[in-house]
């Protein structure tokens, strides 16, 4: 059984560009690269169908969406840090009220941070 070959997008692009230059015929290129002519036709058709994507701003939109998501995540994390800071301060105050002054040394709290 013959192993199925796979081709990188870069290789496909290179071969299709050679085909578009029309310096060699489709059958000649297919023979040189040991590729079926129908496969080259399909690659060319797909390449031409997607050529307009090279000039679209979809990349910019996707980047902006990722940037906004990242900024929202950072904002959420800062909010969480603020809430935890308030909680720690409250716990320190309540610990002093319950355990008296010097509670930090007795419990080893200062040694941990």
PDB file of N, CA and C in Angstrom:
ATOM      1  N   UNK A   1       0.845  -1.182   0.000  1.00  0.00           N
ATOM      2  CA  UNK A   1       0.000   0.000   0.000  1.00  0.00           C
ATOM      3  C   UNK A   1       0.891   1.247   0.000  1.00  0.00           C
ATOM      4  N   UNK A   2       0.588   2.178  -0.866  1.00  0.00           N
ATOM      5  CA  UNK A   2       1.377   3.390  -1.006  1.00  0.00           C
ATOM      6  C   UNK A   2       0.946   4.424   0.033  1.00  0.00           C
ATOM      7  N   UNK A   3       1.930   5.023   0.695  1.00  0.00           N
ATOM      8  CA  UNK A   3       1.636   6.033   1.712  1.00  0.00           C
ATOM      9  C   UNK A   3       1.166   7.322   1.031  1.00  0.00           C
ATOM     10  N   UNK A   4       0.137   7.909   1.586  1.00  0.00           N
ATOM     11  CA  UNK A   4      -0.422   9.142   1.041  1.00  0.00           C
ATOM     12  C   UNK A   4       0.502  10.305   1.370  1.00  0.00           C
ATOM     13  N   UNK A   5       0.827  11.097   0.364  1.00  0.00           N
ATOM     14  CA  UNK A   5       1.712  12.250   0.561  1.00  0.00           C
ATOM     15  C   UNK A   5       0.898  13.452   1.010  1.00  0.00           C
ATOM     16  N   UNK A   6       1.549  14.296   1.812  1.00  0.00           N
ATOM     17  CA  UNK A   6       0.905  15.559   2.184  1.00  0.00           C
ATOM     18  C   UNK A   6       1.847  16.683   1.794  1.00  0.00           C
ATOM     19  N   UNK A   7       1.268  17.804   1.467  1.00  0.00           N
ATOM     20  CA  UNK A   7       2.041  18.938   0.987  1.00  0.00           C
ATOM     21  C   UNK A   7       1.796  20.147   1.876  1.00  0.00           C
ATOM     22  N   UNK A   8       2.836  20.896   2.132  1.00  0.00           N
ATOM     23  CA  UNK A   8       2.705  22.091   2.970  1.00  0.00           C
ATOM     24  C   UNK A   8       2.019  23.200   2.175  1.00  0.00           C
ATOM     25  N   UNK A   9       1.384  24.123   2.873  1.00  0.00           N
ATOM     26  CA  UNK A   9       0.776  25.265   2.176  1.00  0.00           C
ATOM     27  C   UNK A   9       1.816  26.060   1.378  1.00  0.00           C
ATOM     28  N   UNK A  10       3.029  26.132   1.896  1.00  0.00           N
ATOM     29  CA  UNK A  10       4.081  26.872   1.193  1.00  0.00           C
ATOM     30  C   UNK A  10       4.415  26.207  -0.146  1.00  0.00           C
ATOM     31  N   UNK A  11       4.508  24.872  -0.126  1.00  0.00           N
ATOM     32  CA  UNK A  11       4.800  24.134  -1.354  1.00  0.00           C
ATOM     33  C   UNK A  11       3.678  24.321  -2.364  1.00  0.00           C
ATOM     34  N   UNK A  12       2.442  24.178  -1.904  1.00  0.00           N
ATOM     35  CA  UNK A  12       1.295  24.351  -2.800  1.00  0.00           C
ATOM     36  C   UNK A  12       1.302  25.740  -3.427  1.00  0.00           C
ATOM     37  N   UNK A  13       1.583  26.754  -2.612  1.00  0.00           N
ATOM     38  CA  UNK A  13       1.627  28.131  -3.112  1.00  0.00           C
ATOM     39  C   UNK A  13       2.704  28.280  -4.176  1.00  0.00           C
ATOM     40  N   UNK A  14       3.872  27.717  -3.907  1.00  0.00           N
ATOM     41  CA  UNK A  14       4.981  27.807  -4.861  1.00  0.00           C
ATOM     42  C   UNK A  14       4.598  27.175  -6.198  1.00  0.00           C
ATOM     43  N   UNK A  15       4.003  25.994  -6.170  1.00  0.00           N
ATOM     44  CA  UNK A  15       3.636  25.290  -7.396  1.00  0.00           C
ATOM     45  C   UNK A  15       2.539  26.042  -8.144  1.00  0.00           C
ATOM     46  N   UNK A  16       1.544  26.550  -7.415  1.00  0.00           N
ATOM     47  CA  UNK A  16       0.449  27.291  -8.061  1.00  0.00           C
ATOM     48  C   UNK A  16       0.995  28.571  -8.694  1.00  0.00           C
ATOM     49  N   UNK A  17       1.912  29.246  -8.024  1.00  0.00           N
ATOM     50  CA  UNK A  17       2.502  30.456  -8.613  1.00  0.00           C
ATOM     51  C   UNK A  17       3.279  30.120  -9.879  1.00  0.00           C
ATOM     52  N   UNK A  18       3.982  29.003  -9.866  1.00  0.00           N
ATOM     53  CA  UNK A  18       4.664  28.553 -11.096  1.00  0.00           C
ATOM     54  C   UNK A  18       3.644  28.333 -12.206  1.00  0.00           C
ATOM     55  N   UNK A  19       2.532  27.728 -11.857  1.00  0.00           N
ATOM     56  CA  UNK A  19       1.476  27.455 -12.834  1.00  0.00           C
ATOM     57  C   UNK A  19       0.887  28.757 -13.376  1.00  0.00           C
ATOM     58  N   UNK A  20       0.690  29.733 -12.505  1.00  0.00           N
ATOM     59  CA  UNK A  20       0.112  31.011 -12.925  1.00  0.00           C
ATOM     60  C   UNK A  20       1.066  31.819 -13.811  1.00  0.00           C
ATOM     61  N   UNK A  21       2.365  31.616 -13.637  1.00  0.00           N
ATOM     62  CA  UNK A  21       3.337  32.320 -14.493  1.00  0.00           C
ATOM     63  C   UNK A  21       3.264  31.848 -15.940  1.00  0.00           C
ATOM     64  N   UNK A  22       2.696  30.656 -16.130  1.00  0.00           N
ATOM     65  CA  UNK A  22       2.508  30.060 -17.455  1.00  0.00           C
ATOM     66  C   UNK A  22       3.815  29.861 -18.202  1.00  0.00           C
ATOM     67  N   UNK A  23       4.906  29.670 -17.468  1.00  0.00           N
ATOM     68  CA  UNK A  23       6.184  29.374 -18.106  1.00  0.00           C
ATOM     69  C   UNK A  23       6.242  27.904 -18.509  1.00  0.00           C
ATOM     70  N   UNK A  24       5.479  27.081 -17.773  1.00  0.00           N
ATOM     71  CA  UNK A  24       5.405  25.646 -18.054  1.00  0.00           C
ATOM     72  C   UNK A  24       3.936  25.248 -18.084  1.00  0.00           C
ATOM     73  N   UNK A  25       3.653  24.211 -18.831  1.00  0.00           N
ATOM     74  CA  UNK A  25       2.285  23.724 -18.902  1.00  0.00           C
ATOM     75  C   UNK A  25       1.936  22.942 -17.649  1.00  0.00           C
ATOM     76  N   UNK A  26       0.644  22.839 -17.399  1.00  0.00           N
ATOM     77  CA  UNK A  26       0.152  22.151 -16.218  1.00  0.00           C
ATOM     78  C   UNK A  26       0.684  20.721 -16.153  1.00  0.00           C
ATOM     79  N   UNK A  27       0.620  19.983 -17.257  1.00  0.00           N
ATOM     80  CA  UNK A  27       1.089  18.593 -17.258  1.00  0.00           C
ATOM     81  C   UNK A  27       2.590  18.505 -16.993  1.00  0.00           C
ATOM     82  N   UNK A  28       3.338  19.463 -17.480  1.00  0.00           N
ATOM     83  CA  UNK A  28       4.782  19.472 -17.258  1.00  0.00           C
ATOM     84  C   UNK A  28       5.085  19.696 -15.770  1.00  0.00           C
ATOM     85  N   UNK A  29       4.406  20.660 -15.165  1.00  0.00           N
ATOM     86  CA  UNK A  29       4.599  20.908 -13.728  1.00  0.00           C
ATOM     87  C   UNK A  29       4.170  19.697 -12.906  1.00  0.00           C
ATOM     88  N   UNK A  30       3.072  19.084 -13.284  1.00  0.00           N
ATOM     89  CA  UNK A  30       2.585  17.914 -12.563  1.00  0.00           C
ATOM     90  C   UNK A  30       3.617  16.792 -12.612  1.00  0.00           C
ATOM     91  N   UNK A  31       4.213  16.591 -13.757  1.00  0.00           N
ATOM     92  CA  UNK A  31       5.231  15.556 -13.907  1.00  0.00           C
ATOM     93  C   UNK A  31       6.474  15.891 -13.096  1.00  0.00           C
ATOM     94  N   UNK A  32       6.931  17.136 -13.158  1.00  0.00           N
ATOM     95  CA  UNK A  32       8.128  17.567 -12.418  1.00  0.00           C
ATOM     96  C   UNK A  32       7.974  17.351 -10.913  1.00  0.00           C
ATOM     97  N   UNK A  33       6.800  17.649 -10.409  1.00  0.00           N
ATOM     98  CA  UNK A  33       6.575  17.567  -8.959  1.00  0.00           C
ATOM     99  C   UNK A  33       5.891  16.260  -8.538  1.00  0.00           C
ATOM    100  N   UNK A  34       5.675  15.384  -9.539  1.00  0.00           N
ATOM    101  CA  UNK A  34       5.032  14.089  -9.297  1.00  0.00           C
ATOM    102  C   UNK A  34       3.681  14.259  -8.588  1.00  0.00           C
ATOM    103  N   UNK A  35       2.879  15.133  -9.176  1.00  0.00           N
ATOM    104  CA  UNK A  35       1.552  15.446  -8.655  1.00  0.00           C
ATOM    105  C   UNK A  35       0.547  15.232  -9.777  1.00  0.00           C
ATOM    106  N   UNK A  36      -0.606  14.729  -9.445  1.00  0.00           N
ATOM    107  CA  UNK A  36      -1.650  14.525 -10.449  1.00  0.00           C
ATOM    108  C   UNK A  36      -2.121  15.872 -10.989  1.00  0.00           C
ATOM    109  N   UNK A  37      -2.315  15.979 -12.298  1.00  0.00           N
ATOM    110  CA  UNK A  37      -2.775  17.243 -12.895  1.00  0.00           C
ATOM    111  C   UNK A  37      -4.077  17.760 -12.279  1.00  0.00           C
ATOM    112  N   UNK A  38      -5.006  16.850 -11.965  1.00  0.00           N
ATOM    113  CA  UNK A  38      -6.264  17.286 -11.350  1.00  0.00           C
ATOM    114  C   UNK A  38      -6.019  17.946  -9.990  1.00  0.00           C
ATOM    115  N   UNK A  39      -5.032  17.435  -9.256  1.00  0.00           N
ATOM    116  CA  UNK A  39      -4.721  18.034  -7.967  1.00  0.00           C
ATOM    117  C   UNK A  39      -4.215  19.466  -8.160  1.00  0.00           C
ATOM    118  N   UNK A  40      -3.382  19.665  -9.175  1.00  0.00           N
ATOM    119  CA  UNK A  40      -2.894  21.027  -9.463  1.00  0.00           C
ATOM    120  C   UNK A  40      -4.043  21.951  -9.852  1.00  0.00           C
ATOM    121  N   UNK A  41      -4.975  21.446 -10.628  1.00  0.00           N
ATOM    122  CA  UNK A  41      -6.144  22.258 -10.997  1.00  0.00           C
ATOM    123  C   UNK A  41      -6.936  22.661  -9.751  1.00  0.00           C
ATOM    124  N   UNK A  42      -7.113  21.697  -8.848  1.00  0.00           N
ATOM    125  CA  UNK A  42      -7.844  21.995  -7.604  1.00  0.00           C
ATOM    126  C   UNK A  42      -7.105  23.024  -6.758  1.00  0.00           C
ATOM    127  N   UNK A  43      -5.784  22.895  -6.654  1.00  0.00           N
ATOM    128  CA  UNK A  43      -4.988  23.856  -5.874  1.00  0.00           C
ATOM    129  C   UNK A  43      -5.118  25.253  -6.471  1.00  0.00           C
ATOM    130  N   UNK A  44      -5.053  25.328  -7.808  1.00  0.00           N
ATOM    131  CA  UNK A  44      -5.156  26.621  -8.496  1.00  0.00           C
ATOM    132  C   UNK A  44      -6.533  27.238  -8.251  1.00  0.00           C
ATOM    133  N   UNK A  45      -7.571  26.413  -8.373  1.00  0.00           N
ATOM    134  CA  UNK A  45      -8.938  26.899  -8.160  1.00  0.00           C
ATOM    135  C   UNK A  45      -9.100  27.419  -6.733  1.00  0.00           C
ATOM    136  N   UNK A  46      -8.606  26.673  -5.747  1.00  0.00           N
ATOM    137  CA  UNK A  46      -8.705  27.089  -4.341  1.00  0.00           C
ATOM    138  C   UNK A  46      -7.888  28.355  -4.089  1.00  0.00           C
ATOM    139  N   UNK A  47      -6.704  28.417  -4.688  1.00  0.00           N
ATOM    140  CA  UNK A  47      -5.829  29.577  -4.525  1.00  0.00           C
ATOM    141  C   UNK A  47      -6.518  30.842  -5.041  1.00  0.00           C
ATOM    142  N   UNK A  48      -7.077  30.757  -6.229  1.00  0.00           N
ATOM    143  CA  UNK A  48      -7.739  31.922  -6.825  1.00  0.00           C
ATOM    144  C   UNK A  48      -9.007  32.295  -6.060  1.00  0.00           C
ATOM    145  N   UNK A  49      -9.721  31.307  -5.536  1.00  0.00           N
ATOM    146  CA  UNK A  49     -10.941  31.585  -4.779  1.00  0.00           C
ATOM    147  C   UNK A  49     -10.635  32.317  -3.474  1.00  0.00           C
ATOM    148  N   UNK A  50      -9.467  32.060  -2.898  1.00  0.00           N
ATOM    149  CA  UNK A  50      -9.107  32.662  -1.611  1.00  0.00           C
ATOM    150  C   UNK A  50      -8.117  33.820  -1.724  1.00  0.00           C
ATOM    151  N   UNK A  51      -7.786  34.211  -2.930  1.00  0.00           N
ATOM    152  CA  UNK A  51      -6.786  35.267  -3.125  1.00  0.00           C
ATOM    153  C   UNK A  51      -7.202  36.590  -2.489  1.00  0.00           C
ATOM    154  N   UNK A  52      -8.495  36.885  -2.489  1.00  0.00           N
ATOM    155  CA  UNK A  52      -8.947  38.169  -1.932  1.00  0.00           C
ATOM    156  C   UNK A  52      -8.724  38.247  -0.427  1.00  0.00           C
ATOM    157  N   UNK A  53      -8.601  37.103   0.245  1.00  0.00           N
ATOM    158  CA  UNK A  53      -8.349  37.107   1.690  1.00  0.00           C
ATOM    159  C   UNK A  53      -6.997  37.719   2.048  1.00  0.00           C
ATOM    160  N   UNK A  54      -6.076  37.703   1.096  1.00  0.00           N
ATOM    161  CA  UNK A  54      -4.753  38.281   1.349  1.00  0.00           C
ATOM    162  C   UNK A  54      -4.851  39.787   1.596  1.00  0.00           C
ATOM    163  N   UNK A  55      -5.893  40.412   1.079  1.00  0.00           N
ATOM    164  CA  UNK A  55      -6.045  41.859   1.209  1.00  0.00           C
ATOM    165  C   UNK A  55      -7.170  42.266   2.152  1.00  0.00           C
ATOM    166  N   UNK A  56      -7.766  41.298   2.817  1.00  0.00           N
ATOM    167  CA  UNK A  56      -8.867  41.632   3.716  1.00  0.00           C
ATOM    168  C   UNK A  56      -8.323  42.074   5.061  1.00  0.00           C
ATOM    169  N   UNK A  57      -9.188  42.695   5.841  1.00  0.00           N
ATOM    170  CA  UNK A  57      -8.768  43.157   7.159  1.00  0.00           C
ATOM    171  C   UNK A  57      -9.251  42.196   8.248  1.00  0.00           C
ATOM    172  N   UNK A  58      -9.562  40.956   7.886  1.00  0.00           N
ATOM    173  CA  UNK A  58     -10.009  39.976   8.868  1.00  0.00           C
ATOM    174  C   UNK A  58      -8.936  39.734   9.922  1.00  0.00           C
ATOM    175  N   UNK A  59      -7.676  39.803   9.512  1.00  0.00           N
ATOM    176  CA  UNK A  59      -6.581  39.621  10.468  1.00  0.00           C
ATOM    177  C   UNK A  59      -6.620  40.724  11.517  1.00  0.00           C
ATOM    178  N   UNK A  60      -6.872  41.950  11.059  1.00  0.00           N
ATOM    179  CA  UNK A  60      -6.933  43.087  11.976  1.00  0.00           C
ATOM    180  C   UNK A  60      -8.105  42.945  12.939  1.00  0.00           C
ATOM    181  N   UNK A  61      -9.235  42.488  12.437  1.00  0.00           N
ATOM    182  CA  UNK A  61     -10.417  42.316  13.274  1.00  0.00           C
ATOM    183  C   UNK A  61     -10.155  41.236  14.323  1.00  0.00           C
ATOM    184  N   UNK A  62      -9.556  40.131  13.898  1.00  0.00           N
ATOM    185  CA  UNK A  62      -9.250  39.049  14.839  1.00  0.00           C
ATOM    186  C   UNK A  62      -8.272  39.528  15.906  1.00  0.00           C
ATOM    187  N   UNK A  63      -7.279  40.305  15.494  1.00  0.00           N
ATOM    188  CA  UNK A  63      -6.312  40.841  16.455  1.00  0.00           C
ATOM    189  C   UNK A  63      -7.003  41.761  17.455  1.00  0.00           C
ATOM    190  N   UNK A  64      -7.874  42.632  16.977  1.00  0.00           N
ATOM    191  CA  UNK A  64      -8.592  43.547  17.865  1.00  0.00           C
ATOM    192  C   UNK A  64      -9.470  42.783  18.855  1.00  0.00           C
ATOM    193  N   UNK A  65     -10.118  41.717  18.373  1.00  0.00           N
ATOM    194  CA  UNK A  65     -10.952  40.908  19.265  1.00  0.00           C
ATOM    195  C   UNK A  65     -10.112  40.262  20.362  1.00  0.00           C
ATOM    196  N   UNK A  66      -8.945  39.750  19.985  1.00  0.00           N
ATOM    197  CA  UNK A  66      -8.049  39.145  20.981  1.00  0.00           C
ATOM    198  C   UNK A  66      -7.544  40.194  21.962  1.00  0.00           C
ATOM    199  N   UNK A  67      -7.244  41.376  21.445  1.00  0.00           N
ATOM    200  CA  UNK A  67      -6.747  42.462  22.297  1.00  0.00           C
ATOM    201  C   UNK A  67      -7.811  42.867  23.321  1.00  0.00           C
ATOM    202  N   UNK A  68      -9.047  43.007  22.872  1.00  0.00           N
ATOM    203  CA  UNK A  68     -10.137  43.381  23.768  1.00  0.00           C
ATOM    204  C   UNK A  68     -10.356  42.300  24.824  1.00  0.00           C
ATOM    205  N   UNK A  69     -10.318  41.034  24.407  1.00  0.00           N
ATOM    206  CA  UNK A  69     -10.490  39.929  25.357  1.00  0.00           C
ATOM    207  C   UNK A  69      -9.370  39.942  26.395  1.00  0.00           C
ATOM    208  N   UNK A  70      -8.144  40.197  25.934  1.00  0.00           N
ATOM    209  CA  UNK A  70      -6.996  40.267  26.844  1.00  0.00           C
ATOM    210  C   UNK A  70      -7.158  41.416  27.840  1.00  0.00           C
ATOM    211  N   UNK A  71      -7.544  42.581  27.342  1.00  0.00           N
ATOM    212  CA  UNK A  71      -7.728  43.739  28.221  1.00  0.00           C
ATOM    213  C   UNK A  71      -8.839  43.487  29.239  1.00  0.00           C
ATOM    214  N   UNK A  72      -9.907  42.830  28.820  1.00  0.00           N
ATOM    215  CA  UNK A  72     -10.989  42.489  29.746  1.00  0.00           C
ATOM    216  C   UNK A  72     -10.507  41.527  30.817  1.00  0.00           C
ATOM    217  N   UNK A  73      -9.681  40.570  30.417  1.00  0.00           N
ATOM    218  CA  UNK A  73      -9.143  39.612  31.381  1.00  0.00           C
ATOM    219  C   UNK A  73      -8.242  40.324  32.387  1.00  0.00           C
ATOM    220  N   UNK A  74      -7.388  41.219  31.920  1.00  0.00           N
ATOM    221  CA  UNK A  74      -6.498  41.966  32.815  1.00  0.00           C
ATOM    222  C   UNK A  74      -7.326  42.807  33.786  1.00  0.00           C
ATOM    223  N   UNK A  75      -8.346  43.470  33.276  1.00  0.00           N
ATOM    224  CA  UNK A  75      -9.216  44.283  34.128  1.00  0.00           C
ATOM    225  C   UNK A  75      -9.887  43.420  35.195  1.00  0.00           C
ATOM    226  N   UNK A  76     -10.346  42.251  34.791  1.00  0.00           N
ATOM    227  CA  UNK A  76     -10.977  41.324  35.735  1.00  0.00           C
ATOM    228  C   UNK A  76      -9.995  40.880  36.817  1.00  0.00           C
ATOM    229  N   UNK A  77      -8.758  40.618  36.409  1.00  0.00           N
ATOM    230  CA  UNK A  77      -7.745  40.190  37.378  1.00  0.00           C
ATOM    231  C   UNK A  77      -7.408  41.307  38.362  1.00  0.00           C
ATOM    232  N   UNK A  78      -7.303  42.533  37.869  1.00  0.00           N
ATOM    233  CA  UNK A  78      -7.050  43.670  38.778  1.00  0.00           C
ATOM    234  C   UNK A  78      -8.205  43.849  39.764  1.00  0.00           C
ATOM    235  N   UNK A  79      -9.415  43.650  39.284  1.00  0.00           N
ATOM    236  CA  UNK A  79     -10.584  43.744  40.165  1.00  0.00           C
ATOM    237  C   UNK A  79     -10.512  42.674  41.249  1.00  0.00           C
ATOM    238  N   UNK A  80     -10.153  41.456  40.857  1.00  0.00           N
ATOM    239  CA  UNK A  80     -10.022  40.362  41.821  1.00  0.00           C
ATOM    240  C   UNK A  80      -8.926  40.660  42.836  1.00  0.00           C
ATOM    241  N   UNK A  81      -7.802  41.190  42.372  1.00  0.00           N
ATOM    242  CA  UNK A  81      -6.709  41.559  43.286  1.00  0.00           C
ATOM    243  C   UNK A  81      -7.192  42.595  44.287  1.00  0.00           C
ATOM    244  N   UNK A  82      -7.948  43.579  43.829  1.00  0.00           N
ATOM    245  CA  UNK A  82      -8.489  44.610  44.721  1.00  0.00           C
ATOM    246  C   UNK A  82      -9.413  44.010  45.772  1.00  0.00           C
ATOM    247  N   UNK A  83     -10.276  43.111  45.332  1.00  0.00           N
ATOM    248  CA  UNK A  83     -11.198  42.466  46.283  1.00  0.00           C
ATOM    249  C   UNK A  83     -10.435  41.643  47.314  1.00  0.00           C
ATOM    250  N   UNK A  84      -9.435  40.903  46.870  1.00  0.00           N
ATOM    251  CA  UNK A  84      -8.655  40.082  47.802  1.00  0.00           C
ATOM    252  C   UNK A  84      -7.865  40.948  48.776  1.00  0.00           C
ATOM    253  N   UNK A  85      -7.380  42.075  48.306  1.00  0.00           N
ATOM    254  CA  UNK A  85      -6.663  42.995  49.190  1.00  0.00           C
ATOM    255  C   UNK A  85      -7.594  43.509  50.286  1.00  0.00           C
ATOM    256  N   UNK A  86      -8.819  43.864  49.912  1.00  0.00           N
ATOM    257  CA  UNK A  86      -9.805  44.320  50.893  1.00  0.00           C
ATOM    258  C   UNK A  86     -10.088  43.211  51.897  1.00  0.00           C
ATOM    259  N   UNK A  87     -10.230  41.984  51.414  1.00  0.00           N
ATOM    260  CA  UNK A  87     -10.497  40.852  52.308  1.00  0.00           C
ATOM    261  C   UNK A  87      -9.341  40.622  53.285  1.00  0.00           C
ATOM    262  N   UNK A  88      -8.121  40.684  52.788  1.00  0.00           N
ATOM    263  CA  UNK A  88      -6.957  40.474  53.650  1.00  0.00           C
ATOM    264  C   UNK A  88      -6.896  41.567  54.715  1.00  0.00           C
ATOM    265  N   UNK A  89      -7.102  42.802  54.296  1.00  0.00           N
ATOM    266  CA  UNK A  89      -7.089  43.905  55.271  1.00  0.00           C
ATOM    267  C   UNK A  89      -8.176  43.706  56.329  1.00  0.00           C
ATOM    268  N   UNK A  90      -9.365  43.294  55.915  1.00  0.00           N
ATOM    269  CA  UNK A  90     -10.467  43.056  56.853  1.00  0.00           C
ATOM    270  C   UNK A  90     -10.104  41.931  57.826  1.00  0.00           C
ATOM    271  N   UNK A  91      -9.510  40.856  57.276  1.00  0.00           N
ATOM    272  CA  UNK A  91      -9.116  39.732  58.135  1.00  0.00           C
ATOM    273  C   UNK A  91      -8.029  40.128  59.134  1.00  0.00           C
ATOM    274  N   UNK A  92      -7.100  40.970  58.705  1.00  0.00           N
ATOM    275  CA  UNK A  92      -6.065  41.455  59.631  1.00  0.00           C
ATOM    276  C   UNK A  92      -6.710  42.231  60.775  1.00  0.00           C
ATOM    277  N   UNK A  93      -7.643  43.107  60.422  1.00  0.00           N
ATOM    278  CA  UNK A  93      -8.313  43.930  61.438  1.00  0.00           C
ATOM    279  C   UNK A  93      -9.086  43.047  62.414  1.00  0.00           C
ATOM    280  N   UNK A  94      -9.843  42.078  61.890  1.00  0.00           N
ATOM    281  CA  UNK A  94     -10.630  41.190  62.750  1.00  0.00           C
ATOM    282  C   UNK A  94      -9.728  40.280  63.584  1.00  0.00           C
ATOM    283  N   UNK A  95      -8.599  39.862  63.025  1.00  0.00           N
ATOM    284  CA  UNK A  95      -7.654  39.031  63.784  1.00  0.00           C
ATOM    285  C   UNK A  95      -7.102  39.804  64.970  1.00  0.00           C
ATOM    286  N   UNK A  96      -6.790  41.070  64.760  1.00  0.00           N
ATOM    287  CA  UNK A  96      -6.267  41.893  65.857  1.00  0.00           C
ATOM    288  C   UNK A  96      -7.341  42.094  66.924  1.00  0.00           C
ATOM    289  N   UNK A  97      -8.571  42.288  66.486  1.00  0.00           N
ATOM    290  CA  UNK A  97      -9.657  42.444  67.453  1.00  0.00           C
ATOM    291  C   UNK A  97      -9.871  41.158  68.260  1.00  0.00           C
ATOM    292  N   UNK A  98      -9.798  40.031  67.602  1.00  0.00           N
ATOM    293  CA  UNK A  98     -10.079  38.754  68.266  1.00  0.00           C
ATOM    294  C   UNK A  98      -8.893  38.241  69.071  1.00  0.00           C
ATOM    295  N   UNK A  99      -7.683  38.423  68.530  1.00  0.00           N
ATOM    296  CA  UNK A  99      -6.496  37.833  69.153  1.00  0.00           C
ATOM    297  C   UNK A  99      -5.640  38.844  69.914  1.00  0.00           C
ATOM    298  N   UNK A 100      -5.920  40.124  69.726  1.00  0.00           N
ATOM    299  CA  UNK A 100      -5.157  41.169  70.400  1.00  0.00           C
ATOM    300  C   UNK A 100      -3.916  41.548  69.615  1.00  0.00           C
ATOM    301  N   UNK A 101      -3.282  42.634  70.080  1.00  0.00           N
ATOM    302  CA  UNK A 101      -2.083  43.081  69.374  1.00  0.00           C
ATOM    303  C   UNK A 101      -0.974  42.046  69.562  1.00  0.00           C
ATOM    304  N   UNK A 102      -0.107  41.965  68.597  1.00  0.00           N
ATOM    305  CA  UNK A 102       0.970  40.989  68.623  1.00  0.00           C
ATOM    306  C   UNK A 102       0.548  39.632  68.064  1.00  0.00           C
ATOM    307  N   UNK A 103      -0.645  39.543  67.534  1.00  0.00           N
ATOM    308  CA  UNK A 103      -1.149  38.280  66.982  1.00  0.00           C
ATOM    309  C   UNK A 103      -0.293  37.791  65.825  1.00  0.00           C
ATOM    310  N   UNK A 104       0.289  38.736  65.060  1.00  0.00           N
ATOM    311  CA  UNK A 104       1.092  38.363  63.897  1.00  0.00           C
ATOM    312  C   UNK A 104       2.316  37.555  64.309  1.00  0.00           C
ATOM    313  N   UNK A 105       3.010  38.000  65.373  1.00  0.00           N
ATOM    314  CA  UNK A 105       4.192  37.291  65.831  1.00  0.00           C
ATOM    315  C   UNK A 105       3.814  35.926  66.415  1.00  0.00           C
ATOM    316  N   UNK A 106       2.735  35.877  67.196  1.00  0.00           N
ATOM    317  CA  UNK A 106       2.314  34.637  67.831  1.00  0.00           C
ATOM    318  C   UNK A 106       1.874  33.577  66.810  1.00  0.00           C
ATOM    319  N   UNK A 107       1.278  34.032  65.736  1.00  0.00           N
ATOM    320  CA  UNK A 107       0.773  33.072  64.732  1.00  0.00           C
ATOM    321  C   UNK A 107       1.778  32.796  63.622  1.00  0.00           C
ATOM    322  N   UNK A 108       2.860  33.577  63.579  1.00  0.00           N
ATOM    323  CA  UNK A 108       3.851  33.411  62.497  1.00  0.00           C
ATOM    324  C   UNK A 108       3.418  34.035  61.198  1.00  0.00           C
ATOM    325  N   UNK A 109       2.426  34.902  61.246  1.00  0.00           N
ATOM    326  CA  UNK A 109       1.889  35.528  60.038  1.00  0.00           C
ATOM    327  C   UNK A 109       2.956  36.356  59.315  1.00  0.00           C
ATOM    328  N   UNK A 110       3.728  37.150  60.031  1.00  0.00           N
ATOM    329  CA  UNK A 110       4.735  38.012  59.391  1.00  0.00           C
ATOM    330  C   UNK A 110       5.842  37.218  58.719  1.00  0.00           C
ATOM    331  N   UNK A 111       6.141  36.033  59.272  1.00  0.00           N
ATOM    332  CA  UNK A 111       7.225  35.239  58.706  1.00  0.00           C
ATOM    333  C   UNK A 111       6.884  34.677  57.338  1.00  0.00           C
ATOM    334  N   UNK A 112       5.611  34.549  57.034  1.00  0.00           N
ATOM    335  CA  UNK A 112       5.201  33.955  55.759  1.00  0.00           C
ATOM    336  C   UNK A 112       5.247  34.949  54.600  1.00  0.00           C
ATOM    337  N   UNK A 113       5.143  36.212  54.879  1.00  0.00           N
ATOM    338  CA  UNK A 113       5.031  37.172  53.774  1.00  0.00           C
ATOM    339  C   UNK A 113       6.107  38.175  53.786  1.00  0.00           C
TER     340      UNK A 113
END
